[in-house]
Amino acid sequence: MQLDLFPTTVHLRCIDPAKNKRRFYGLQLQRTLFGQWAVVREWGRIGSRVGQRLEQWFDDPAAAHAFMNQLEEVKRLRGYH
């Protein structure tokens, strides 16, 4: 699988001034030092210094990319763009 052909970084935002909602969600596909693949998720409020970060590791790059695509789809269904 050639990862150069697929996006390895996704930045999403969800802004709704009526609800005081200003959120971001980021996804990154990275190779680890141990030869595995990590999907790195970061999220929080836009403008805040504090956010969350979670890494999930995979042995197969195709599985990691499929997982990242699934997360992106769920976030887009929840109003992120």
Protein backbone atom coordinates (compact mmCIF):
# COMPACT_ATOMS: atom_id res chain seq x y z
CA MET A 1 0.00 0.00 0.00
CA GLN A 2 1.39 3.38 -0.99
CA LEU A 3 0.48 5.85 1.69
CA ASP A 4 1.69 8.74 -0.48
CA LEU A 5 -1.55 8.40 -2.43
CA PHE A 6 -3.78 8.76 0.62
CA PRO A 7 -4.20 11.64 3.06
CA THR A 8 -2.25 11.10 6.26
CA THR A 9 -3.47 14.25 8.02
CA VAL A 10 -7.04 15.47 8.56
CA HIS A 11 -8.04 18.71 10.32
CA LEU A 12 -11.74 19.21 11.12
CA ARG A 13 -13.66 21.98 12.86
CA CYS A 14 -17.15 22.31 14.31
CA ILE A 15 -18.25 25.89 14.94
CA ASP A 16 -21.75 26.91 16.05
CA PRO A 17 -21.84 30.41 17.62
CA ALA A 18 -25.46 29.96 18.76
CA LYS A 19 -24.36 27.05 20.97
CA ASN A 20 -20.95 28.56 21.86
CA LYS A 21 -19.34 25.56 20.17
CA ARG A 22 -15.81 25.96 18.75
CA ARG A 23 -14.15 22.56 18.50
CA PHE A 24 -11.34 21.01 16.49
CA TYR A 25 -10.50 17.41 15.73
CA GLY A 26 -7.26 16.27 14.12
CA LEU A 27 -6.16 12.90 12.79
CA GLN A 28 -2.67 11.88 11.74
CA LEU A 29 -1.24 8.64 10.43
CA GLN A 30 2.38 8.20 11.54
CA ARG A 31 5.02 5.50 11.38
CA THR A 32 6.38 4.63 14.82
CA LEU A 33 10.00 3.95 15.75
CA PHE A 34 9.12 0.28 16.19
CA GLY A 35 7.82 -0.21 12.63
CA GLN A 36 4.16 -0.01 13.53
CA TRP A 37 1.62 2.59 12.45
CA ALA A 38 -0.15 4.99 14.78
CA VAL A 39 -3.37 6.92 14.32
CA VAL A 40 -2.95 10.03 16.44
CA ARG A 41 -6.13 11.87 17.45
CA GLU A 42 -6.15 15.35 18.96
CA TRP A 43 -9.26 17.30 19.93
CA GLY A 44 -10.40 20.21 22.04
CA ARG A 45 -11.77 23.74 22.00
CA ILE A 46 -10.37 26.12 19.40
CA GLY A 47 -8.22 28.73 21.16
CA SER A 48 -7.74 26.69 24.33
CA ARG A 49 -4.28 25.68 25.49
CA VAL A 50 -5.60 22.38 26.81
CA GLY A 51 -6.64 19.55 24.51
CA GLN A 52 -6.74 15.78 24.41
CA ARG A 53 -4.49 13.34 22.56
CA LEU A 54 -4.83 9.63 21.94
CA GLU A 55 -2.65 7.22 19.95
CA GLN A 56 -3.77 3.84 18.63
CA TRP A 57 -1.15 1.53 17.14
CA PHE A 58 -1.54 -0.92 14.26
CA ASP A 59 0.77 -3.48 12.66
CA ASP A 60 -0.81 -3.03 9.22
CA PRO A 61 -0.81 0.39 7.50
CA ALA A 62 -4.01 -0.47 5.61
CA ALA A 63 -5.84 -1.19 8.88
CA ALA A 64 -4.58 2.08 10.37
CA HIS A 65 -5.69 4.05 7.32
CA ALA A 66 -9.12 2.36 7.31
CA PHE A 67 -9.55 3.20 11.00
CA MET A 68 -8.59 6.83 10.35
CA ASN A 69 -11.11 7.06 7.50
CA GLN A 70 -13.83 5.61 9.72
CA LEU A 71 -13.13 8.18 12.45
CA GLU A 72 -13.21 11.00 9.90
CA GLU A 73 -16.57 9.83 8.55
CA VAL A 74 -18.10 9.68 12.05
CA LYS A 75 -16.89 13.21 12.84
CA ARG A 76 -18.25 14.58 9.56
CA LEU A 77 -21.64 13.02 10.35
CA ARG A 78 -21.54 14.87 13.69
CA GLY A 79 -21.15 18.27 12.03
CA TYR A 80 -17.39 18.64 11.67
CA HIS A 81 -16.02 19.92 8.36
